């Protein structure tokens, strides 16, 4: 039975019709396989500026394709990629490290070519004519290079500043001697224009370019008094004597100029019918003293400490028995007994004039 089956199959496969059918099937399969493969293959052209590398691959992953190509360097940037159908054209640019140092900071960049200025821009620096650059900004870079960059900039600005006022001193006879008055001054104002130099962002220098006075200062005025408070001629006094020149008094009624001062016990007396010890006729202004304490002829100015009584200008011209009990005392001549009683006994300030 088996032999019969083999015999019949052999006749079928060895027949011309069967051979033609098999060849048609094989041809169809081949065309199908070729067509399928053709629709699965990608063509990748890689241009590096000098050479073109063509790769046919089943993968359209550019990164994977490039990693399997024996390029001059593994450091590169993809500059351009263009896909047309199943063909991909890739342009690459080889890179090399460039180091940019600015101050204490060094930046490394992957550079594809250009000038030093281009490298600075890629590193994030905008160079201008004020900056220090080594090598020069227009130098072409074709390999690894170290760039020294100093960022120098100038910034204009302005601020206002006070102009201090001065103080003038003037003298006035309208103000008492020893007294002063002050009229306040006012500071002026000026605008200052400057240029500030920065090196790598740090201010290193500020130059004043111009100034403009906005407001002039107004001087303070100190007025110093030169006038005495008043003179003996201005004061209502008991004495009728007049000095050769008026005695200048301060604001408290005290002589401005004197040799010495004492505060003594004072009494009063009036006419006795006799001349003074020095021979002059008694009158208000001639007073009795102890000549050993106050010599005859001494010129004096006499007033009470509180200023309520001013005897005025006086001359030591007489003496009396009072000096036995009160050797430093004085006795003031008055025009009447009632004036003497009103005066009584009190302390008086005696200024020795000369």
Protein backbone atom coordinates (compact mmCIF):
# COMPACT_ATOMS: atom_id res chain seq x y z
CA UNK A 1 0.00 0.00 0.00
CA UNK A 2 2.75 2.39 0.91
CA UNK A 3 4.60 1.64 -2.23
CA UNK A 4 1.54 2.57 -4.31
CA UNK A 5 1.27 5.93 -2.54
CA UNK A 6 4.94 6.72 -3.20
CA UNK A 7 4.51 5.77 -6.83
CA UNK A 8 1.53 8.06 -7.41
CA UNK A 9 3.25 11.04 -5.59
CA UNK A 10 6.35 10.57 -7.66
CA UNK A 11 4.33 10.79 -10.87
CA UNK A 12 2.63 13.97 -9.64
CA UNK A 13 5.85 15.81 -8.66
CA UNK A 14 7.74 14.70 -11.73
CA UNK A 15 5.09 15.94 -14.05
CA UNK A 16 5.86 19.14 -16.05
CA UNK A 17 2.73 20.89 -14.84
CA UNK A 18 3.72 20.40 -11.19
CA UNK A 19 7.23 21.75 -11.78
CA UNK A 20 5.86 24.89 -13.37
CA UNK A 21 3.46 25.42 -10.49
CA UNK A 22 6.22 25.06 -7.90
CA UNK A 23 8.48 27.50 -9.70
CA UNK A 24 5.66 30.08 -9.81
CA UNK A 25 5.10 29.69 -6.10
CA UNK A 26 8.82 30.12 -5.35
CA UNK A 27 9.04 33.20 -7.55
CA UNK A 28 6.06 34.78 -5.79
CA UNK A 29 7.58 34.06 -2.40
CA UNK A 30 10.92 35.58 -3.48
CA UNK A 31 9.24 38.76 -4.77
CA UNK A 32 7.24 39.01 -1.56
CA UNK A 33 10.37 38.67 0.58
CA UNK A 34 12.34 41.22 -1.50
CA UNK A 35 9.45 43.65 -1.41
CA UNK A 36 9.10 43.23 2.33
CA UNK A 37 12.82 43.76 2.89
CA UNK A 38 12.86 46.81 0.61
CA UNK A 39 10.13 48.44 2.63
CA UNK A 40 12.06 47.81 5.88
CA UNK A 41 15.56 49.12 4.96
CA UNK A 42 16.58 52.78 5.69
CA UNK A 43 19.43 54.67 4.10
CA UNK A 44 21.37 57.07 6.35
CA UNK A 45 23.91 59.50 4.82
CA UNK A 46 26.26 61.13 7.35
CA UNK A 47 28.31 64.17 6.23
CA UNK A 48 31.04 65.47 8.59
CA UNK A 49 32.24 68.35 6.42
CA UNK A 50 34.77 66.24 4.58
CA UNK A 51 33.43 62.75 4.13
CA UNK A 52 30.04 61.13 3.61
CA UNK A 53 29.27 57.86 5.34
CA UNK A 54 26.32 55.83 3.96
CA UNK A 55 24.65 53.26 6.17
CA UNK A 56 21.73 50.97 5.28
CA UNK A 57 19.93 49.75 8.28
CA UNK A 58 16.67 48.36 9.51
CA UNK A 59 16.62 51.00 12.30
CA UNK A 60 15.85 54.66 11.76
CA UNK A 61 17.21 55.63 15.19
CA UNK A 62 19.78 58.31 14.33
CA UNK A 63 21.66 58.06 17.61
CA UNK A 64 21.99 54.30 17.29
CA UNK A 65 23.12 54.57 13.69
CA UNK A 66 25.75 57.20 14.49
CA UNK A 67 27.13 55.15 17.37
CA UNK A 68 27.92 52.32 14.95
CA UNK A 69 29.75 54.50 12.41
CA UNK A 70 33.51 54.82 12.64
CA UNK A 71 33.67 58.63 12.69
CA UNK A 72 36.83 60.70 13.24
CA UNK A 73 35.72 61.66 16.73
CA UNK A 74 33.00 60.68 19.12
CA UNK A 75 32.55 64.35 20.10
CA UNK A 76 30.19 66.07 17.71
CA UNK A 77 26.94 67.98 17.39
CA UNK A 78 24.21 67.18 14.90
CA UNK A 79 23.92 70.37 12.89
CA UNK A 80 21.14 69.33 10.52
CA UNK A 81 18.89 66.35 9.88
CA UNK A 82 16.73 65.96 6.77
CA UNK A 83 14.45 63.01 6.01
CA UNK A 84 13.29 62.25 2.45
CA UNK A 85 11.26 59.06 2.27
CA UNK A 86 13.39 56.30 3.68
CA UNK A 87 16.59 58.30 3.31
CA UNK A 88 17.94 60.39 6.18
CA UNK A 89 20.70 62.95 5.55
CA UNK A 90 22.63 64.01 8.66
CA UNK A 91 25.19 66.81 8.90
CA UNK A 92 27.48 66.71 11.94
CA UNK A 93 30.06 69.12 13.30
CA UNK A 94 32.95 67.80 15.35
CA UNK A 95 33.40 69.52 18.75
CA UNK A 96 36.34 70.13 21.03
CA UNK A 97 36.53 71.58 24.54
CA UNK A 98 37.18 75.30 25.00
CA UNK A 99 37.77 76.70 28.50
CA UNK A 100 36.68 80.24 29.42
CA UNK A 101 38.01 81.71 32.70
CA UNK A 102 36.37 84.82 34.14
CA UNK A 103 37.64 85.77 37.58
CA UNK A 104 37.56 82.63 39.75
CA UNK A 105 35.12 80.79 37.48
CA UNK A 106 36.13 78.52 34.58
CA UNK A 107 33.46 77.34 32.14
CA UNK A 108 34.00 74.43 29.73
CA UNK A 109 32.05 74.43 26.47
CA UNK A 110 31.86 72.04 23.53
CA UNK A 111 32.81 74.22 20.58
CA UNK A 112 32.31 73.48 16.90
CA UNK A 113 34.34 76.37 15.55
CA UNK A 114 34.28 80.13 15.20
CA UNK A 115 35.95 83.07 16.89
CA UNK A 116 36.86 83.70 20.51
CA UNK A 117 33.90 86.10 20.69
CA UNK A 118 31.62 83.27 19.52
CA UNK A 119 33.00 81.01 22.25
CA UNK A 120 32.41 83.70 24.87
CA UNK A 121 28.82 84.09 23.71
CA UNK A 122 28.30 80.33 23.97
CA UNK A 123 29.71 80.45 27.51
CA UNK A 124 27.19 83.16 28.38
CA UNK A 125 29.36 86.28 28.14
CA UNK A 126 28.64 89.31 25.96
CA UNK A 127 31.98 90.87 25.12
CA UNK A 128 32.42 94.52 24.18
CA UNK A 129 35.25 96.95 23.45
CA UNK A 130 35.95 97.59 27.16
CA UNK A 131 36.64 93.97 28.08
CA UNK A 132 40.05 92.30 28.34
CA UNK A 133 40.16 89.15 26.19
CA UNK A 134 43.11 86.84 25.59
CA UNK A 135 43.38 85.60 22.83
CA UNK A 136 41.82 88.52 20.94
CA UNK A 137 38.07 88.40 20.31
CA UNK A 138 38.43 87.94 16.52
CA UNK A 139 40.85 84.99 16.81
CA UNK A 140 39.62 81.87 14.97
CA UNK A 141 39.42 78.75 17.14
CA UNK A 142 40.09 75.36 15.53
CA UNK A 143 41.18 73.33 18.54
CA UNK A 144 41.08 73.33 22.31
CA UNK A 145 42.04 76.72 23.69
CA UNK A 146 42.01 78.52 27.06
CA UNK A 147 40.40 81.96 27.05
CA UNK A 148 41.04 84.58 29.75
CA UNK A 149 38.11 86.98 29.95
CA UNK A 150 37.78 90.04 32.17
CA UNK A 151 34.38 91.69 32.03
CA UNK A 152 34.92 95.45 32.31
CA UNK A 153 31.93 97.75 32.28
CA UNK A 154 31.25 101.40 32.98
CA UNK A 155 28.01 102.61 34.51
CA UNK A 156 26.98 106.26 34.66
CA UNK A 157 25.06 107.50 37.65
CA UNK A 158 24.35 110.51 39.80
CA UNK A 159 23.63 111.38 43.40
CA UNK A 160 22.97 114.51 45.44
CA UNK A 161 25.28 115.79 48.12
CA UNK A 162 24.95 118.50 50.75
CA UNK A 163 27.15 121.59 50.51
CA UNK A 164 27.98 122.52 54.13
CA UNK A 165 27.26 126.09 55.08
CA UNK A 166 29.89 128.27 56.74
CA UNK A 167 29.53 130.60 59.71
CA UNK A 168 30.35 134.28 59.48
CA UNK A 169 31.11 136.35 62.57
CA UNK A 170 30.07 140.00 62.64
CA UNK A 171 30.33 142.54 65.43
CA UNK A 172 27.55 144.87 66.43
CA UNK A 173 27.35 147.79 68.84
CA UNK A 174 23.63 147.13 69.05
CA UNK A 175 24.24 144.01 71.14
CA UNK A 176 25.71 143.98 74.62
CA UNK A 177 29.30 143.05 75.01
CA UNK A 178 29.61 139.34 75.86
CA UNK A 179 26.31 138.48 74.24
CA UNK A 180 25.89 136.79 70.88
CA UNK A 181 23.10 135.93 68.53
CA UNK A 182 23.08 133.27 65.85
CA UNK A 183 21.14 133.18 62.62
CA UNK A 184 20.98 129.60 61.43
CA UNK A 185 22.54 128.66 58.13
CA UNK A 186 21.26 126.27 55.49
CA UNK A 187 23.19 123.59 53.65
CA UNK A 188 23.28 123.84 49.88
CA UNK A 189 22.73 120.95 47.49
CA UNK A 190 24.70 119.74 44.52
CA UNK A 191 24.16 116.99 41.98
CA UNK A 192 27.18 114.82 41.29
CA UNK A 193 27.48 112.92 37.99
CA UNK A 194 29.91 110.00 38.01
CA UNK A 195 31.12 106.98 36.07
CA UNK A 196 31.64 103.76 38.00
CA UNK A 197 33.98 101.03 36.77
CA UNK A 198 33.09 97.38 37.38
CA UNK A 199 35.49 94.46 36.91
CA UNK A 200 33.74 91.10 36.78
CA UNK A 201 30.72 92.68 38.46
CA UNK A 202 32.67 94.27 41.32
CA UNK A 203 32.96 98.05 41.64
CA UNK A 204 36.61 99.10 41.63
CA UNK A 205 36.55 102.80 40.84
CA UNK A 206 34.19 105.77 40.80
CA UNK A 207 35.13 108.92 38.90
CA UNK A 208 33.27 112.19 39.27
CA UNK A 209 32.53 113.58 35.84
CA UNK A 210 30.74 116.82 36.72
CA UNK A 211 28.86 118.60 39.48
CA UNK A 212 25.88 120.90 39.30
CA UNK A 213 24.91 123.20 42.16
CA UNK A 214 21.18 122.88 42.72
CA UNK A 215 21.00 125.22 45.71
CA UNK A 216 23.67 127.51 47.13
CA UNK A 217 24.39 127.24 50.89
CA UNK A 218 23.29 130.10 53.12
CA UNK A 219 25.89 131.04 55.73
CA UNK A 220 25.05 131.16 59.40
CA UNK A 221 25.69 134.57 60.96
CA UNK A 222 27.06 134.87 64.48
CA UNK A 223 26.69 138.41 65.80
CA UNK A 224 28.95 139.38 68.70
CA UNK A 225 27.99 142.34 70.82
CA UNK A 226 30.47 145.17 71.42
CA UNK A 227 28.28 147.61 73.36
CA UNK A 228 28.40 147.86 77.12
CA UNK A 229 25.09 147.34 78.88
CA UNK A 230 25.03 151.04 79.75
CA UNK A 231 27.34 153.66 81.21
CA UNK A 232 27.41 155.51 84.46
CA UNK A 233 25.79 158.44 82.63
CA UNK A 234 22.73 156.30 81.95
CA UNK A 235 22.16 155.37 85.59
CA UNK A 236 20.30 157.46 88.15
CA UNK A 237 22.83 157.68 90.99
CA UNK A 238 23.08 159.46 94.36
CA UNK A 239 26.53 160.85 93.54
CA UNK A 240 26.70 164.12 91.64
CA UNK A 241 30.31 163.62 90.60
CA UNK A 242 31.12 162.76 86.99
CA UNK A 243 34.10 160.73 85.82
CA UNK A 244 36.32 162.08 83.05
CA UNK A 245 34.77 159.45 80.76
CA UNK A 246 31.63 157.45 81.28
CA UNK A 247 32.09 154.16 83.10
CA UNK A 248 30.97 151.18 81.00
CA UNK A 249 28.61 148.87 82.84
CA UNK A 250 27.55 145.29 82.07
CA UNK A 251 23.96 144.10 81.91
CA UNK A 252 23.89 143.75 85.72
CA UNK A 253 24.99 147.36 86.21
CA UNK A 254 28.52 146.43 87.29
CA UNK A 255 31.59 148.19 85.90
CA UNK A 256 33.16 146.30 83.03
CA UNK A 257 36.67 147.46 83.86
CA UNK A 258 37.98 147.78 87.43
CA UNK A 259 41.10 146.98 89.42
CA UNK A 260 39.46 145.24 92.37
CA UNK A 261 36.18 144.76 94.13
CA UNK A 262 35.11 144.48 97.75
CA UNK A 263 31.84 144.21 99.61
CA UNK A 264 31.88 146.38 102.75
CA UNK A 265 29.68 147.74 105.56
CA UNK A 266 28.32 151.12 104.54
CA UNK A 267 26.63 153.92 106.50
CA UNK A 268 25.56 157.45 105.50
CA UNK A 269 26.28 160.97 106.79
CA UNK A 270 25.36 164.51 105.78
CA UNK A 271 26.54 168.09 106.22
CA UNK A 272 28.46 168.93 109.42
CA UNK A 273 29.58 172.41 108.46
CA UNK A 274 33.11 171.21 107.88
CA UNK A 275 35.03 170.42 104.75
CA UNK A 276 36.22 166.92 104.02
CA UNK A 277 39.56 165.75 105.41
CA UNK A 278 41.10 166.40 101.99
CA UNK A 279 39.83 170.01 102.06
CA UNK A 280 37.09 169.69 99.48
CA UNK A 281 33.57 170.80 100.28
CA UNK A 282 31.32 167.81 100.99
CA UNK A 283 28.78 166.76 98.41
CA UNK A 284 27.30 163.47 97.18
CA UNK A 285 30.14 161.53 95.64
CA UNK A 286 32.77 162.37 98.18
CA UNK A 287 32.85 159.54 100.71
CA UNK A 288 34.60 158.85 104.00
CA UNK A 289 36.99 155.90 104.14
CA UNK A 290 39.83 154.47 106.16
CA UNK A 291 42.70 155.90 104.13
CA UNK A 292 44.86 152.95 105.17
CA UNK A 293 42.43 150.67 103.32
CA UNK A 294 41.30 152.98 100.56
CA UNK A 295 43.73 155.84 99.97
CA UNK A 296 42.42 159.38 99.54
CA UNK A 297 41.77 160.28 95.91
CA UNK A 298 40.84 156.70 94.95
CA UNK A 299 38.17 156.69 92.29
CA UNK A 300 35.34 154.28 92.99
CA UNK A 301 32.01 152.99 91.75
CA UNK A 302 29.55 151.98 94.47
CA UNK A 303 26.28 150.03 94.28
CA UNK A 304 24.25 147.57 96.31
CA UNK A 305 24.67 143.87 95.49
CA UNK A 306 21.07 143.58 94.34
CA UNK A 307 21.29 146.73 92.21
CA UNK A 308 18.48 148.48 94.07
CA UNK A 309 20.72 151.38 95.15
CA UNK A 310 23.38 152.96 92.96
CA UNK A 311 25.57 155.48 94.71
CA UNK A 312 27.58 155.79 91.52
CA UNK A 313 30.93 157.37 90.80
CA UNK A 314 32.73 158.41 94.00
CA UNK A 315 36.07 159.68 95.27
CA UNK A 316 37.67 158.83 98.63
CA UNK A 317 37.94 162.33 100.19
CA UNK A 318 37.02 162.14 103.89
CA UNK A 319 37.29 159.95 106.97
CA UNK A 320 35.52 159.54 110.30
CA UNK A 321 35.45 157.85 113.67
CA UNK A 322 33.63 154.81 112.29
CA UNK A 323 36.93 153.39 111.16
CA UNK A 324 37.83 152.51 114.77
CA UNK A 325 35.08 149.90 114.98
CA UNK A 326 34.76 149.21 111.27
CA UNK A 327 38.16 149.81 109.67
CA UNK A 328 37.07 148.50 106.27
CA UNK A 329 33.74 150.30 106.24
CA UNK A 330 32.75 153.40 104.29
CA UNK A 331 30.48 156.38 105.00
CA UNK A 332 28.51 157.76 102.08
CA UNK A 333 27.68 161.47 101.94
CA UNK A 334 23.96 162.20 101.48
CA UNK A 335 22.18 165.54 101.02
CA UNK A 336 19.83 165.15 104.03
CA UNK A 337 19.37 163.40 107.35
CA UNK A 338 16.23 161.67 106.05
CA UNK A 339 18.22 160.24 103.17
CA UNK A 340 20.77 158.98 105.66
CA UNK A 341 18.06 157.37 107.79
CA UNK A 342 16.52 155.72 104.73
CA UNK A 343 19.85 154.33 103.73
CA UNK A 344 20.64 153.00 107.21
CA UNK A 345 23.38 150.43 107.42
CA UNK A 346 23.87 147.93 104.64
CA UNK A 347 26.46 146.11 102.57
CA UNK A 348 27.60 147.79 99.39
CA UNK A 349 29.84 146.68 96.52
CA UNK A 350 32.84 148.94 96.03
CA UNK A 351 34.71 148.76 92.69
CA UNK A 352 38.20 150.28 92.73
CA UNK A 353 38.54 151.94 89.35
CA UNK A 354 42.08 153.30 89.52
